[in-house]
Amino acid sequence: MAKLTKTQTIAAVAEAADISKAQAKAALEAVASLAYDNAKDGFTIPGVGKVSVRQTKARKMVMRFGPNEGKEIDVPAKTKLKFTFLKAAKEEILG
């Protein structure tokens, strides 16, 4: 199956929910906005998965290739965005 475009996704949601494409677009944009605003606290998209923010620790790393091979460098702490699929979604997708 080919990759769905934004327009195709909106059309599919509109058809499945029996609403107009404008309403489907507004609903999808509302879900995206909620995910952006609530990701720090963890936001669950029902039936799909959870969006969350993770902190990584500062660490030291030994370079394994390139001109700095063998040298130890400092990797700073950073904030990452994580998406975790729900168990039911994994089973449906992977079989």
C-alpha atoms as a PDB file:
ATOM      1  CA  MET A   1       0.000   0.000   0.000  1.00  0.00           C
ATOM      2  CA  ALA A   2       1.285   3.458  -0.896  1.00  0.00           C
ATOM      3  CA  LYS A   3       1.992   6.149   1.652  1.00  0.00           C
ATOM      4  CA  LEU A   4      -1.088   8.223   2.498  1.00  0.00           C
ATOM      5  CA  THR A   5      -0.832  11.948   1.902  1.00  0.00           C
ATOM      6  CA  LYS A   6      -2.395  14.488   4.239  1.00  0.00           C
ATOM      7  CA  THR A   7      -5.274  15.017   1.785  1.00  0.00           C
ATOM      8  CA  GLN A   8      -5.891  11.270   1.458  1.00  0.00           C
ATOM      9  CA  THR A   9      -5.846  10.859   5.247  1.00  0.00           C
ATOM     10  CA  ILE A  10      -8.394  13.653   5.679  1.00  0.00           C
ATOM     11  CA  ALA A  11     -10.605  12.134   2.970  1.00  0.00           C
ATOM     12  CA  ALA A  12     -10.414   8.674   4.575  1.00  0.00           C
ATOM     13  CA  VAL A  13     -11.323  10.049   8.028  1.00  0.00           C
ATOM     14  CA  ALA A  14     -14.181  12.071   6.569  1.00  0.00           C
ATOM     15  CA  GLU A  15     -15.582   9.015   4.787  1.00  0.00           C
ATOM     16  CA  ALA A  16     -15.178   6.700   7.797  1.00  0.00           C
ATOM     17  CA  ALA A  17     -16.825   9.166  10.198  1.00  0.00           C
ATOM     18  CA  ASP A  18     -19.439  10.315   7.658  1.00  0.00           C
ATOM     19  CA  ILE A  19     -18.467  13.987   8.054  1.00  0.00           C
ATOM     20  CA  SER A  20     -17.226  16.644   5.662  1.00  0.00           C
ATOM     21  CA  LYS A  21     -13.562  16.924   4.724  1.00  0.00           C
ATOM     22  CA  ALA A  22     -13.403  20.332   6.447  1.00  0.00           C
ATOM     23  CA  GLN A  23     -14.694  18.805   9.684  1.00  0.00           C
ATOM     24  CA  ALA A  24     -12.246  15.906   9.411  1.00  0.00           C
ATOM     25  CA  LYS A  25      -9.368  18.323   8.829  1.00  0.00           C
ATOM     26  CA  ALA A  26     -10.403  20.390  11.857  1.00  0.00           C
ATOM     27  CA  ALA A  27     -10.640  17.255  14.019  1.00  0.00           C
ATOM     28  CA  LEU A  28      -7.185  16.006  12.993  1.00  0.00           C
ATOM     29  CA  GLU A  29      -5.673  19.451  13.564  1.00  0.00           C
ATOM     30  CA  ALA A  30      -7.303  19.551  17.017  1.00  0.00           C
ATOM     31  CA  VAL A  31      -5.770  16.165  17.926  1.00  0.00           C
ATOM     32  CA  ALA A  32      -2.352  17.350  16.710  1.00  0.00           C
ATOM     33  CA  SER A  33      -2.669  20.569  18.730  1.00  0.00           C
ATOM     34  CA  LEU A  34      -3.621  18.614  21.852  1.00  0.00           C
ATOM     35  CA  ALA A  35      -0.590  16.343  21.351  1.00  0.00           C
ATOM     36  CA  TYR A  36       1.737  19.355  21.011  1.00  0.00           C
ATOM     37  CA  ASP A  37       0.334  21.041  24.120  1.00  0.00           C
ATOM     38  CA  ASN A  38       0.221  17.942  26.342  1.00  0.00           C
ATOM     39  CA  ALA A  39       3.262  15.896  25.255  1.00  0.00           C
ATOM     40  CA  LYS A  40       5.238  16.949  28.346  1.00  0.00           C
ATOM     41  CA  ASP A  41       2.640  15.252  30.559  1.00  0.00           C
ATOM     42  CA  GLY A  42       2.098  12.342  28.159  1.00  0.00           C
ATOM     43  CA  PHE A  43      -0.678  12.405  25.588  1.00  0.00           C
ATOM     44  CA  THR A  44      -2.483   9.260  24.447  1.00  0.00           C
ATOM     45  CA  ILE A  45      -4.020   9.080  20.994  1.00  0.00           C
ATOM     46  CA  PRO A  46      -6.848   6.575  21.579  1.00  0.00           C
ATOM     47  CA  GLY A  47      -6.275   3.295  19.770  1.00  0.00           C
ATOM     48  CA  VAL A  48      -2.845   4.308  18.445  1.00  0.00           C
ATOM     49  CA  GLY A  49      -0.254   5.233  21.060  1.00  0.00           C
ATOM     50  CA  LYS A  50       1.275   7.698  23.469  1.00  0.00           C
ATOM     51  CA  VAL A  51       3.375  10.822  22.828  1.00  0.00           C
ATOM     52  CA  SER A  52       5.791  11.774  25.604  1.00  0.00           C
ATOM     53  CA  VAL A  53       8.934  13.786  26.298  1.00  0.00           C
ATOM     54  CA  ARG A  54      12.055  12.033  27.632  1.00  0.00           C
ATOM     55  CA  GLN A  55      15.228  13.423  29.146  1.00  0.00           C
ATOM     56  CA  THR A  56      18.566  11.760  28.383  1.00  0.00           C
ATOM     57  CA  LYS A  57      21.474  11.978  30.807  1.00  0.00           C
ATOM     58  CA  ALA A  58      24.810  13.578  30.012  1.00  0.00           C
ATOM     59  CA  ARG A  59      27.383  10.889  29.276  1.00  0.00           C
ATOM     60  CA  LYS A  60      30.831  10.189  27.943  1.00  0.00           C
ATOM     61  CA  MET A  61      31.298   8.353  24.653  1.00  0.00           C
ATOM     62  CA  VAL A  62      34.357   6.918  22.899  1.00  0.00           C
ATOM     63  CA  MET A  63      34.478   7.778  19.195  1.00  0.00           C
ATOM     64  CA  ARG A  64      34.632   4.542  17.159  1.00  0.00           C
ATOM     65  CA  PHE A  65      35.552   5.892  13.726  1.00  0.00           C
ATOM     66  CA  GLY A  66      36.702   8.994  11.917  1.00  0.00           C
ATOM     67  CA  PRO A  67      39.585  11.340  12.710  1.00  0.00           C
ATOM     68  CA  ASN A  68      38.705  11.367  16.433  1.00  0.00           C
ATOM     69  CA  GLU A  69      38.693   7.552  16.737  1.00  0.00           C
ATOM     70  CA  GLY A  70      39.515   6.412  20.260  1.00  0.00           C
ATOM     71  CA  LYS A  71      38.974   9.844  21.826  1.00  0.00           C
ATOM     72  CA  GLU A  72      36.448  10.256  24.617  1.00  0.00           C
ATOM     73  CA  ILE A  73      33.896  13.034  24.143  1.00  0.00           C
ATOM     74  CA  ASP A  74      31.137  14.463  26.333  1.00  0.00           C
ATOM     75  CA  VAL A  75      27.570  14.064  25.073  1.00  0.00           C
ATOM     76  CA  PRO A  76      25.297  16.652  26.717  1.00  0.00           C
ATOM     77  CA  ALA A  77      21.901  15.877  28.258  1.00  0.00           C
ATOM     78  CA  LYS A  78      19.005  16.549  25.917  1.00  0.00           C
ATOM     79  CA  THR A  79      15.242  16.395  25.580  1.00  0.00           C
ATOM     80  CA  LYS A  80      13.734  13.914  23.127  1.00  0.00           C
ATOM     81  CA  LEU A  81      10.235  13.303  21.840  1.00  0.00           C
ATOM     82  CA  LYS A  82       9.047   9.687  22.028  1.00  0.00           C
ATOM     83  CA  PHE A  83       6.065   7.864  20.526  1.00  0.00           C
ATOM     84  CA  THR A  84       5.061   4.468  21.913  1.00  0.00           C
ATOM     85  CA  PHE A  85       2.488   2.335  20.112  1.00  0.00           C
ATOM     86  CA  LEU A  86      -0.203   0.674  22.212  1.00  0.00           C
ATOM     87  CA  LYS A  87      -0.048  -3.112  22.464  1.00  0.00           C
ATOM     88  CA  ALA A  88      -3.323  -3.503  20.515  1.00  0.00           C
ATOM     89  CA  ALA A  89      -1.956  -1.273  17.713  1.00  0.00           C
ATOM     90  CA  LYS A  90       1.260  -3.310  17.506  1.00  0.00           C
ATOM     91  CA  GLU A  91      -0.704  -6.544  17.257  1.00  0.00           C
ATOM     92  CA  GLU A  92      -2.981  -5.118  14.548  1.00  0.00           C
ATOM     93  CA  ILE A  93      -0.084  -3.710  12.507  1.00  0.00           C
ATOM     94  CA  LEU A  94       2.419  -6.551  12.888  1.00  0.00           C
ATOM     95  CA  GLY A  95      -0.103  -9.384  12.984  1.00  0.00           C
END
